[in-house]
Protein backbone atom coordinates (compact mmCIF):
# COMPACT_ATOMS: atom_id res chain seq x y z
CA UNK A 1 85.18 55.88 2.02
CA UNK A 2 84.42 52.83 -0.32
CA UNK A 3 84.67 50.55 2.67
CA UNK A 4 82.21 52.53 4.69
CA UNK A 5 79.83 52.76 1.54
CA UNK A 6 80.15 49.06 1.21
CA UNK A 7 79.32 48.18 4.90
CA UNK A 8 76.44 50.55 4.90
CA UNK A 9 75.01 48.90 1.70
CA UNK A 10 75.50 45.51 3.15
CA UNK A 11 73.93 46.26 6.33
CA UNK A 12 70.95 47.80 4.72
CA UNK A 13 70.43 44.82 2.38
CA UNK A 14 70.60 42.36 5.35
CA UNK A 15 67.97 44.39 7.16
CA UNK A 16 65.82 44.72 4.18
CA UNK A 17 65.94 41.07 3.47
CA UNK A 18 64.80 40.10 6.84
CA UNK A 19 61.69 38.04 7.03
CA UNK A 20 58.77 40.08 8.61
CA UNK A 21 55.44 38.60 7.98
CA UNK A 22 53.64 41.53 9.76
CA UNK A 23 51.63 39.17 11.72
CA UNK A 24 52.32 39.05 15.67
CA UNK A 25 51.08 36.03 17.52
CA UNK A 26 49.18 37.01 20.43
CA UNK A 27 49.81 35.02 23.45
CA UNK A 28 46.99 33.48 25.27
CA UNK A 29 44.77 33.39 22.06
CA UNK A 30 44.60 29.62 22.17
CA UNK A 31 41.91 29.10 24.57
CA UNK A 32 39.84 25.87 24.61
CA UNK A 33 35.93 25.49 24.92
CA UNK A 34 36.09 26.23 28.57
CA UNK A 35 38.28 29.33 28.29
CA UNK A 36 41.66 27.45 29.28
CA UNK A 37 44.92 28.88 27.81
CA UNK A 38 46.75 25.51 26.70
CA UNK A 39 49.86 27.40 25.79
CA UNK A 40 50.38 28.31 29.44
CA UNK A 41 49.69 24.79 30.53
CA UNK A 42 46.12 25.18 31.73
CA UNK A 43 43.47 22.43 31.15
CA UNK A 44 40.00 22.10 32.27
CA UNK A 45 39.31 19.95 35.33
CA UNK A 46 36.15 18.36 35.95
CA UNK A 47 36.71 17.72 39.41
CA UNK A 48 37.78 21.32 40.28
CA UNK A 49 35.30 22.84 37.67
CA UNK A 50 37.85 25.34 36.64
CA UNK A 51 41.13 25.84 34.58
CA UNK A 52 44.12 24.39 36.30
CA UNK A 53 47.75 23.52 35.67
CA UNK A 54 47.98 19.94 36.43
CA UNK A 55 51.69 19.85 36.88
CA UNK A 56 51.33 22.46 39.47
CA UNK A 57 48.74 21.04 41.77
CA UNK A 58 48.85 17.17 41.12
CA UNK A 59 48.35 14.97 43.99
CA UNK A 60 50.11 12.02 42.09
CA UNK A 61 52.64 12.37 39.28
CA UNK A 62 53.36 9.15 37.19
CA UNK A 63 55.25 8.24 34.08
CA UNK A 64 52.90 7.68 31.07
CA UNK A 65 53.17 3.96 30.45
CA UNK A 66 52.55 4.63 26.62
CA UNK A 67 55.55 7.01 26.47
CA UNK A 68 58.19 7.14 28.99
CA UNK A 69 59.23 10.76 28.20
CA UNK A 70 55.76 12.04 29.44
CA UNK A 71 54.10 12.41 32.82
CA UNK A 72 50.68 11.85 33.85
CA UNK A 73 49.17 14.04 36.57
CA UNK A 74 46.51 12.90 38.85
CA UNK A 75 44.22 15.31 40.69
CA UNK A 76 42.03 13.74 43.49
CA UNK A 77 38.65 15.05 44.75
CA UNK A 78 38.41 16.59 48.07
CA UNK A 79 36.45 13.40 49.38
CA UNK A 80 38.97 11.24 47.65
CA UNK A 81 36.16 9.37 45.81
CA UNK A 82 37.34 10.39 42.27
CA UNK A 83 40.52 10.87 40.47
CA UNK A 84 41.02 12.75 37.31
CA UNK A 85 44.15 11.73 35.09
CA UNK A 86 45.69 14.36 32.67
CA UNK A 87 47.91 13.13 29.95
CA UNK A 88 49.88 15.24 27.26
CA UNK A 89 48.64 12.67 24.60
CA UNK A 90 45.18 13.40 25.23
CA UNK A 91 43.14 16.55 24.96
CA UNK A 92 40.61 15.61 27.61
CA UNK A 93 41.28 14.40 31.18
CA UNK A 94 39.92 10.87 32.33
CA UNK A 95 37.79 10.41 35.40
CA UNK A 96 38.27 7.37 37.68
CA UNK A 97 36.05 6.21 40.50
CA UNK A 98 37.41 5.10 43.86
CA UNK A 99 37.56 1.28 44.47
CA UNK A 100 39.25 -0.81 47.03
CA UNK A 101 42.90 -0.28 46.60
CA UNK A 102 42.90 2.60 44.11
CA UNK A 103 40.81 3.89 41.28
CA UNK A 104 39.25 2.57 37.96
CA UNK A 105 38.24 4.30 34.94
CA UNK A 106 34.65 4.81 34.07
CA UNK A 107 34.96 2.22 31.13
CA UNK A 108 36.61 -0.16 33.53
CA UNK A 109 39.71 -0.64 31.19
CA UNK A 110 42.40 1.40 33.38
CA UNK A 111 43.25 1.01 36.90
CA UNK A 112 45.21 3.40 39.26
CA UNK A 113 46.52 1.18 42.02
CA UNK A 114 48.23 1.96 45.20
CA UNK A 115 50.75 -0.65 46.17
CA UNK A 116 52.64 0.21 49.35
CA UNK A 117 52.53 3.78 49.02
CA UNK A 118 53.57 3.50 45.28
CA UNK A 119 51.00 4.44 42.63
CA UNK A 120 50.84 2.47 39.46
CA UNK A 121 48.62 2.65 36.32
CA UNK A 122 47.59 -0.58 34.59
CA UNK A 123 45.50 -1.46 31.55
């Protein structure tokens, strides 16, 4: 009888001491200014004018030159005159304009180059 009483007391102490903040995080409550849910992988695309999951619809996937553990996702416009690059290290995407042999960023500092069907990003 003492063993059963000891086990019940121990079990009630363990459950009583469990951490319960009383607050439950609501999934999807982390919307950005465009209404995109970042926790679900959605980002706003200036080319598509909507929330997208870049990893799901990317036309080109590259390794981030600043961090080999991350990927860059490139979305091309329908007319292929613009490219939009999404990076995990930046909250906003970067727009590129078409030039001979690839794309160049609007500030001219970064290029997306197609060499023999292999895409590379250079600074």
